[in-house]
Amino acid sequence: GTYGPDNSVAFIYRTNAQSRALEEACVLHNLPYVIFGSATSFYKRPEIKDCLSFLRWMYNGRDRSSMLRAMKTPSRGLGDVAVREFDDYCTRIDEYFEVNHAGSPQPTPFDVLLLFSSQKPLSEGFPLPSESLSTRPLKLLTAFSVQMRFIRDMAYTSSVERVLALIIETLELIPHFDKISKSKAEFEERQANVRELRKASERYTKSGACLSNDGVIA
């Protein structure tokens, strides 16, 4: 549509991070809006998508786009070969469940990741990670699994706000954003956006734990 003084209102804000509250107010009241300038919509900004990818993958273990983003944020050496071997291992587990546990819920890729750091004894004949993955990807995925298991376990008793803070801290996302920023100003803007995301997560504090442990496999 067209924009003019007769059918639109303009809001000028000081920093890009401030757009979050304005955007959410527009969505709440069903008001169409457009952001002008270099900034994209708040939840489409790379650092926001990076932070949320871990929450999204924990919530939906089959969310592949979130999985791929989480595996590579920050860069931990998990390239295309590691992802392909991980996919192959997931396929082997699916085949095992089809034969041995038909009708039972199959582990999601997130569940499979957690198996790399599980202390539970595996059933006889259950595919082992070492049978599908080479040494380096196995080592890297195991280290990542330890981190995500810690975060997942905390999510059973902690609020979204606390889990988000734990993700940012445990996975060292702020140093990562510093490393990928081309300037100090860009890094400061990324930090401001992350702070605003944490502020937005506070609204869910009274809603209880971040995750339910119903149907836990790993």
C-alpha atoms as a PDB file:
ATOM      1  CA  GLY A   1       0.000   0.000   0.000  1.00  0.00           C
ATOM      2  CA  THR A   2       0.899   3.679   0.072  1.00  0.00           C
ATOM      3  CA  TYR A   3       2.094   5.634   3.075  1.00  0.00           C
ATOM      4  CA  GLY A   4       1.210   9.236   3.763  1.00  0.00           C
ATOM      5  CA  PRO A   5      -0.024  11.671   6.414  1.00  0.00           C
ATOM      6  CA  ASP A   6      -3.637  10.603   5.929  1.00  0.00           C
ATOM      7  CA  ASN A   7      -3.234   6.884   6.557  1.00  0.00           C
ATOM      8  CA  SER A   8      -0.087   6.295   8.587  1.00  0.00           C
ATOM      9  CA  VAL A   9       1.863   7.286  11.669  1.00  0.00           C
ATOM     10  CA  ALA A  10       5.652   7.349  11.918  1.00  0.00           C
ATOM     11  CA  PHE A  11       7.620   6.373  15.026  1.00  0.00           C
ATOM     12  CA  ILE A  12      11.235   7.423  15.340  1.00  0.00           C
ATOM     13  CA  TYR A  13      13.344   5.446  17.794  1.00  0.00           C
ATOM     14  CA  ARG A  14      16.897   5.952  18.917  1.00  0.00           C
ATOM     15  CA  THR A  15      18.338   2.438  18.642  1.00  0.00           C
ATOM     16  CA  ASN A  16      17.312  -0.555  16.551  1.00  0.00           C
ATOM     17  CA  ALA A  17      16.765  -2.667  19.664  1.00  0.00           C
ATOM     18  CA  GLN A  18      13.855  -0.410  20.618  1.00  0.00           C
ATOM     19  CA  SER A  19      11.867  -1.584  17.607  1.00  0.00           C
ATOM     20  CA  ARG A  20      10.949  -4.805  19.422  1.00  0.00           C
ATOM     21  CA  ALA A  21       8.376  -3.220  21.730  1.00  0.00           C
ATOM     22  CA  LEU A  22       6.867  -1.167  18.906  1.00  0.00           C
ATOM     23  CA  GLU A  23       6.631  -4.171  16.576  1.00  0.00           C
ATOM     24  CA  GLU A  24       4.956  -6.322  19.225  1.00  0.00           C
ATOM     25  CA  ALA A  25       2.458  -3.555  20.010  1.00  0.00           C
ATOM     26  CA  CYS A  26       1.550  -3.347  16.318  1.00  0.00           C
ATOM     27  CA  VAL A  27       1.091  -7.115  16.098  1.00  0.00           C
ATOM     28  CA  LEU A  28      -1.018  -7.129  19.286  1.00  0.00           C
ATOM     29  CA  HIS A  29      -3.385  -4.515  17.843  1.00  0.00           C
ATOM     30  CA  ASN A  30      -3.354  -5.969  14.310  1.00  0.00           C
ATOM     31  CA  LEU A  31      -1.718  -2.867  12.846  1.00  0.00           C
ATOM     32  CA  PRO A  32       0.305  -3.289   9.642  1.00  0.00           C
ATOM     33  CA  TYR A  33       3.773  -1.780   9.895  1.00  0.00           C
ATOM     34  CA  VAL A  34       6.932  -1.318   7.864  1.00  0.00           C
ATOM     35  CA  ILE A  35      10.442  -0.705   9.176  1.00  0.00           C
ATOM     36  CA  PHE A  36      12.424   1.792   7.140  1.00  0.00           C
ATOM     37  CA  GLY A  37      16.191   1.976   7.230  1.00  0.00           C
ATOM     38  CA  SER A  38      18.898  -0.660   7.443  1.00  0.00           C
ATOM     39  CA  ALA A  39      17.371  -2.699  10.276  1.00  0.00           C
ATOM     40  CA  THR A  40      15.202  -5.750   9.692  1.00  0.00           C
ATOM     41  CA  SER A  41      12.309  -6.864  11.876  1.00  0.00           C
ATOM     42  CA  PHE A  42      13.580  -7.542  15.402  1.00  0.00           C
ATOM     43  CA  TYR A  43      13.025 -11.301  15.438  1.00  0.00           C
ATOM     44  CA  LYS A  44      14.638 -11.690  12.004  1.00  0.00           C
ATOM     45  CA  ARG A  45      17.967 -10.212  13.100  1.00  0.00           C
ATOM     46  CA  PRO A  46      20.786 -12.791  12.961  1.00  0.00           C
ATOM     47  CA  GLU A  47      21.803 -12.567  16.617  1.00  0.00           C
ATOM     48  CA  ILE A  48      18.171 -12.956  17.732  1.00  0.00           C
ATOM     49  CA  LYS A  49      17.672 -15.975  15.474  1.00  0.00           C
ATOM     50  CA  ASP A  50      20.924 -17.404  16.828  1.00  0.00           C
ATOM     51  CA  CYS A  51      19.787 -17.110  20.450  1.00  0.00           C
ATOM     52  CA  LEU A  52      16.329 -18.484  19.757  1.00  0.00           C
ATOM     53  CA  SER A  53      17.550 -21.431  17.664  1.00  0.00           C
ATOM     54  CA  PHE A  54      18.519 -23.334  20.826  1.00  0.00           C
ATOM     55  CA  LEU A  55      15.133 -22.755  22.464  1.00  0.00           C
ATOM     56  CA  ARG A  56      13.332 -23.676  19.265  1.00  0.00           C
ATOM     57  CA  TRP A  57      15.303 -26.909  18.848  1.00  0.00           C
ATOM     58  CA  MET A  58      14.714 -27.949  22.454  1.00  0.00           C
ATOM     59  CA  TYR A  59      10.993 -27.271  22.040  1.00  0.00           C
ATOM     60  CA  ASN A  60      10.732 -29.014  18.662  1.00  0.00           C
ATOM     61  CA  GLY A  61      13.478 -31.583  18.307  1.00  0.00           C
ATOM     62  CA  ARG A  62      12.679 -32.000  14.604  1.00  0.00           C
ATOM     63  CA  ASP A  63      13.102 -28.323  13.702  1.00  0.00           C
ATOM     64  CA  ARG A  64      15.921 -28.784  11.206  1.00  0.00           C
ATOM     65  CA  SER A  65      16.614 -25.120  10.467  1.00  0.00           C
ATOM     66  CA  SER A  66      17.030 -24.445  14.193  1.00  0.00           C
ATOM     67  CA  MET A  67      19.208 -27.541  14.543  1.00  0.00           C
ATOM     68  CA  LEU A  68      21.587 -26.438  11.803  1.00  0.00           C
ATOM     69  CA  ARG A  69      21.791 -22.926  13.204  1.00  0.00           C
ATOM     70  CA  ALA A  70      22.392 -24.174  16.749  1.00  0.00           C
ATOM     71  CA  MET A  71      25.095 -26.602  15.634  1.00  0.00           C
ATOM     72  CA  LYS A  72      27.062 -23.807  13.990  1.00  0.00           C
ATOM     73  CA  THR A  73      26.535 -21.042  16.563  1.00  0.00           C
ATOM     74  CA  PRO A  74      29.169 -20.323  17.554  1.00  0.00           C
ATOM     75  CA  SER A  75      31.437 -22.098  15.112  1.00  0.00           C
ATOM     76  CA  ARG A  76      32.515 -25.319  16.804  1.00  0.00           C
ATOM     77  CA  GLY A  77      33.922 -27.188  13.827  1.00  0.00           C
ATOM     78  CA  LEU A  78      30.670 -28.944  12.906  1.00  0.00           C
ATOM     79  CA  GLY A  79      30.712 -28.680   9.133  1.00  0.00           C
ATOM     80  CA  ASP A  80      28.812 -30.453   6.375  1.00  0.00           C
ATOM     81  CA  VAL A  81      30.580 -33.771   6.988  1.00  0.00           C
ATOM     82  CA  ALA A  82      29.611 -33.793  10.674  1.00  0.00           C
ATOM     83  CA  VAL A  83      25.998 -32.914   9.870  1.00  0.00           C
ATOM     84  CA  ARG A  84      25.822 -35.638   7.218  1.00  0.00           C
ATOM     85  CA  GLU A  85      27.213 -38.248   9.616  1.00  0.00           C
ATOM     86  CA  PHE A  86      24.804 -37.087  12.316  1.00  0.00           C
ATOM     87  CA  ASP A  87      21.901 -37.404   9.867  1.00  0.00           C
ATOM     88  CA  ASP A  88      23.056 -40.924   8.999  1.00  0.00           C
ATOM     89  CA  TYR A  89      23.098 -41.827  12.687  1.00  0.00           C
ATOM     90  CA  CYS A  90      19.578 -40.438  13.154  1.00  0.00           C
ATOM     91  CA  THR A  91      18.441 -42.594  10.236  1.00  0.00           C
ATOM     92  CA  ARG A  92      19.987 -45.711  11.791  1.00  0.00           C
ATOM     93  CA  ILE A  93      18.163 -45.024  15.047  1.00  0.00           C
ATOM     94  CA  ASP A  94      14.875 -44.522  13.180  1.00  0.00           C
ATOM     95  CA  GLU A  95      15.383 -47.900  11.498  1.00  0.00           C
ATOM     96  CA  TYR A  96      16.198 -49.537  14.830  1.00  0.00           C
ATOM     97  CA  PHE A  97      12.985 -48.205  16.406  1.00  0.00           C
ATOM     98  CA  GLU A  98      10.877 -49.302  13.424  1.00  0.00           C
ATOM     99  CA  VAL A  99      12.108 -52.868  13.858  1.00  0.00           C
ATOM    100  CA  ASN A 100      12.376 -53.112  17.642  1.00  0.00           C
ATOM    101  CA  HIS A 101       9.902 -50.569  19.026  1.00  0.00           C
ATOM    102  CA  ALA A 102       7.175 -50.205  16.422  1.00  0.00           C
ATOM    103  CA  GLY A 103       4.499 -47.798  17.621  1.00  0.00           C
ATOM    104  CA  SER A 104       6.738 -46.147  20.218  1.00  0.00           C
ATOM    105  CA  PRO A 105       7.727 -42.465  19.884  1.00  0.00           C
ATOM    106  CA  GLN A 106      10.927 -42.219  17.877  1.00  0.00           C
ATOM    107  CA  PRO A 107      13.756 -40.037  19.166  1.00  0.00           C
ATOM    108  CA  THR A 108      14.019 -36.637  17.528  1.00  0.00           C
ATOM    109  CA  PRO A 109      17.385 -35.354  16.286  1.00  0.00           C
ATOM    110  CA  PHE A 110      17.601 -33.362  19.538  1.00  0.00           C
ATOM    111  CA  ASP A 111      17.063 -36.564  21.528  1.00  0.00           C
ATOM    112  CA  VAL A 112      19.771 -38.206  19.436  1.00  0.00           C
ATOM    113  CA  LEU A 113      22.217 -35.420  20.237  1.00  0.00           C
ATOM    114  CA  LEU A 114      21.603 -35.956  23.946  1.00  0.00           C
ATOM    115  CA  LEU A 115      22.398 -39.656  23.555  1.00  0.00           C
ATOM    116  CA  PHE A 116      26.024 -38.663  22.950  1.00  0.00           C
ATOM    117  CA  SER A 117      26.304 -37.650  26.610  1.00  0.00           C
ATOM    118  CA  SER A 118      23.788 -40.067  28.134  1.00  0.00           C
ATOM    119  CA  GLN A 119      24.795 -42.196  31.101  1.00  0.00           C
ATOM    120  CA  LYS A 120      21.911 -44.601  30.575  1.00  0.00           C
ATOM    121  CA  PRO A 121      22.857 -48.080  29.296  1.00  0.00           C
ATOM    122  CA  LEU A 122      21.717 -48.638  25.731  1.00  0.00           C
ATOM    123  CA  SER A 123      19.660 -51.667  24.730  1.00  0.00           C
ATOM    124  CA  GLU A 124      21.419 -54.564  23.049  1.00  0.00           C
ATOM    125  CA  GLY A 125      21.736 -53.876  19.352  1.00  0.00           C
ATOM    126  CA  PHE A 126      21.072 -50.135  19.730  1.00  0.00           C
ATOM    127  CA  PRO A 127      23.205 -48.228  17.185  1.00  0.00           C
ATOM    128  CA  LEU A 128      26.246 -46.605  18.756  1.00  0.00           C
ATOM    129  CA  PRO A 129      27.425 -43.114  17.718  1.00  0.00           C
ATOM    130  CA  SER A 130      30.911 -44.478  17.018  1.00  0.00           C
ATOM    131  CA  GLU A 131      29.439 -46.758  14.354  1.00  0.00           C
ATOM    132  CA  SER A 132      28.232 -43.831  12.256  1.00  0.00           C
ATOM    133  CA  LEU A 133      30.552 -40.947  13.081  1.00  0.00           C
ATOM    134  CA  SER A 134      34.244 -40.423  12.536  1.00  0.00           C
ATOM    135  CA  THR A 135      36.478 -39.403  15.430  1.00  0.00           C
ATOM    136  CA  ARG A 136      36.410 -35.596  15.135  1.00  0.00           C
ATOM    137  CA  PRO A 137      32.636 -35.131  14.603  1.00  0.00           C
ATOM    138  CA  LEU A 138      31.990 -37.616  17.419  1.00  0.00           C
ATOM    139  CA  LYS A 139      34.186 -35.640  19.803  1.00  0.00           C
ATOM    140  CA  LEU A 140      32.661 -32.286  18.841  1.00  0.00           C
ATOM    141  CA  LEU A 141      29.066 -33.521  19.012  1.00  0.00           C
ATOM    142  CA  THR A 142      29.702 -35.128  22.391  1.00  0.00           C
ATOM    143  CA  ALA A 143      30.996 -31.822  23.785  1.00  0.00           C
ATOM    144  CA  PHE A 144      27.974 -30.012  22.331  1.00  0.00           C
ATOM    145  CA  SER A 145      25.696 -32.693  23.769  1.00  0.00           C
ATOM    146  CA  VAL A 146      27.078 -32.099  27.269  1.00  0.00           C
ATOM    147  CA  GLN A 147      26.279 -28.375  26.978  1.00  0.00           C
ATOM    148  CA  MET A 148      22.778 -28.918  25.616  1.00  0.00           C
ATOM    149  CA  ARG A 149      21.981 -31.611  28.184  1.00  0.00           C
ATOM    150  CA  PHE A 150      22.910 -29.176  30.961  1.00  0.00           C
ATOM    151  CA  ILE A 151      20.688 -26.490  29.445  1.00  0.00           C
ATOM    152  CA  ARG A 152      17.835 -28.940  28.766  1.00  0.00           C
ATOM    153  CA  ASP A 153      17.929 -30.265  32.335  1.00  0.00           C
ATOM    154  CA  MET A 154      17.801 -26.721  33.721  1.00  0.00           C
ATOM    155  CA  ALA A 155      14.856 -25.944  31.432  1.00  0.00           C
ATOM    156  CA  TYR A 156      12.690 -28.416  33.378  1.00  0.00           C
ATOM    157  CA  THR A 157      12.803 -26.213  36.471  1.00  0.00           C
ATOM    158  CA  SER A 158      13.801 -22.766  35.173  1.00  0.00           C
ATOM    159  CA  SER A 159      11.892 -20.001  33.415  1.00  0.00           C
ATOM    160  CA  VAL A 160      12.403 -19.034  29.783  1.00  0.00           C
ATOM    161  CA  GLU A 161      14.227 -15.924  30.986  1.00  0.00           C
ATOM    162  CA  ARG A 162      16.723 -17.982  32.999  1.00  0.00           C
ATOM    163  CA  VAL A 163      17.221 -20.601  30.278  1.00  0.00           C
ATOM    164  CA  LEU A 164      17.847 -17.928  27.665  1.00  0.00           C
ATOM    165  CA  ALA A 165      20.453 -16.332  29.921  1.00  0.00           C
ATOM    166  CA  LEU A 166      21.997 -19.773  30.454  1.00  0.00           C
ATOM    167  CA  ILE A 167      22.198 -20.366  26.700  1.00  0.00           C
ATOM    168  CA  ILE A 168      23.911 -17.034  26.126  1.00  0.00           C
ATOM    169  CA  GLU A 169      26.375 -17.670  28.944  1.00  0.00           C
ATOM    170  CA  THR A 170      27.086 -21.397  28.520  1.00  0.00           C
ATOM    171  CA  LEU A 171      27.522 -21.240  24.760  1.00  0.00           C
ATOM    172  CA  GLU A 172      29.498 -17.969  24.943  1.00  0.00           C
ATOM    173  CA  LEU A 173      27.287 -16.190  22.421  1.00  0.00           C
ATOM    174  CA  ILE A 174      28.395 -12.651  23.315  1.00  0.00           C
ATOM    175  CA  PRO A 175      32.074 -13.365  22.463  1.00  0.00           C
ATOM    176  CA  HIS A 176      30.774 -15.013  19.283  1.00  0.00           C
ATOM    177  CA  PHE A 177      28.839 -11.887  18.302  1.00  0.00           C
ATOM    178  CA  ASP A 178      31.937  -9.819  19.038  1.00  0.00           C
ATOM    179  CA  LYS A 179      34.001 -12.041  16.751  1.00  0.00           C
ATOM    180  CA  ILE A 180      31.613 -11.856  13.804  1.00  0.00           C
ATOM    181  CA  SER A 181      30.952  -8.100  14.092  1.00  0.00           C
ATOM    182  CA  LYS A 182      32.783  -5.902  11.615  1.00  0.00           C
ATOM    183  CA  SER A 183      32.987  -2.920  13.958  1.00  0.00           C
ATOM    184  CA  LYS A 184      32.566  -1.926  17.582  1.00  0.00           C
ATOM    185  CA  ALA A 185      29.301  -0.185  16.710  1.00  0.00           C
ATOM    186  CA  GLU A 186      27.927  -3.332  15.097  1.00  0.00           C
ATOM    187  CA  PHE A 187      28.878  -5.399  18.154  1.00  0.00           C
ATOM    188  CA  GLU A 188      27.244  -2.901  20.499  1.00  0.00           C
ATOM    189  CA  GLU A 189      24.065  -3.036  18.426  1.00  0.00           C
ATOM    190  CA  ARG A 190      24.046  -6.830  18.568  1.00  0.00           C
ATOM    191  CA  GLN A 191      24.493  -6.688  22.343  1.00  0.00           C
ATOM    192  CA  ALA A 192      21.623  -4.226  22.655  1.00  0.00           C
ATOM    193  CA  ASN A 193      19.380  -6.526  20.641  1.00  0.00           C
ATOM    194  CA  VAL A 194      20.261  -9.499  22.852  1.00  0.00           C
ATOM    195  CA  ARG A 195      19.553  -7.453  25.991  1.00  0.00           C
ATOM    196  CA  GLU A 196      16.181  -6.508  24.529  1.00  0.00           C
ATOM    197  CA  LEU A 197      15.452 -10.165  23.797  1.00  0.00           C
ATOM    198  CA  ARG A 198      16.213 -11.061  27.398  1.00  0.00           C
ATOM    199  CA  LYS A 199      13.902  -8.263  28.508  1.00  0.00           C
ATOM    200  CA  ALA A 200      11.153  -9.621  26.259  1.00  0.00           C
ATOM    201  CA  SER A 201      11.550 -13.093  27.793  1.00  0.00           C
ATOM    202  CA  GLU A 202      10.707 -11.729  31.249  1.00  0.00           C
ATOM    203  CA  ARG A 203       7.005 -11.778  30.394  1.00  0.00           C
ATOM    204  CA  TYR A 204       7.030 -15.597  30.644  1.00  0.00           C
ATOM    205  CA  THR A 205       8.611 -15.769  34.104  1.00  0.00           C
ATOM    206  CA  LYS A 206       5.284 -16.465  35.826  1.00  0.00           C
ATOM    207  CA  SER A 207       4.380 -19.164  33.315  1.00  0.00           C
ATOM    208  CA  GLY A 208       6.538 -21.759  35.042  1.00  0.00           C
ATOM    209  CA  ALA A 209       9.328 -23.946  33.717  1.00  0.00           C
ATOM    210  CA  CYS A 210      10.580 -23.542  30.176  1.00  0.00           C
ATOM    211  CA  LEU A 211      10.047 -27.231  29.308  1.00  0.00           C
ATOM    212  CA  SER A 212       7.804 -30.090  30.381  1.00  0.00           C
ATOM    213  CA  ASN A 213       9.516 -33.444  30.894  1.00  0.00           C
ATOM    214  CA  ASP A 214       6.648 -35.458  29.445  1.00  0.00           C
ATOM    215  CA  GLY A 215       7.841 -38.193  27.137  1.00  0.00           C
ATOM    216  CA  VAL A 216      11.550 -37.665  27.777  1.00  0.00           C
ATOM    217  CA  ILE A 217      13.639 -40.168  25.830  1.00  0.00           C
ATOM    218  CA  ALA A 218      17.254 -39.143  26.427  1.00  0.00           C
END
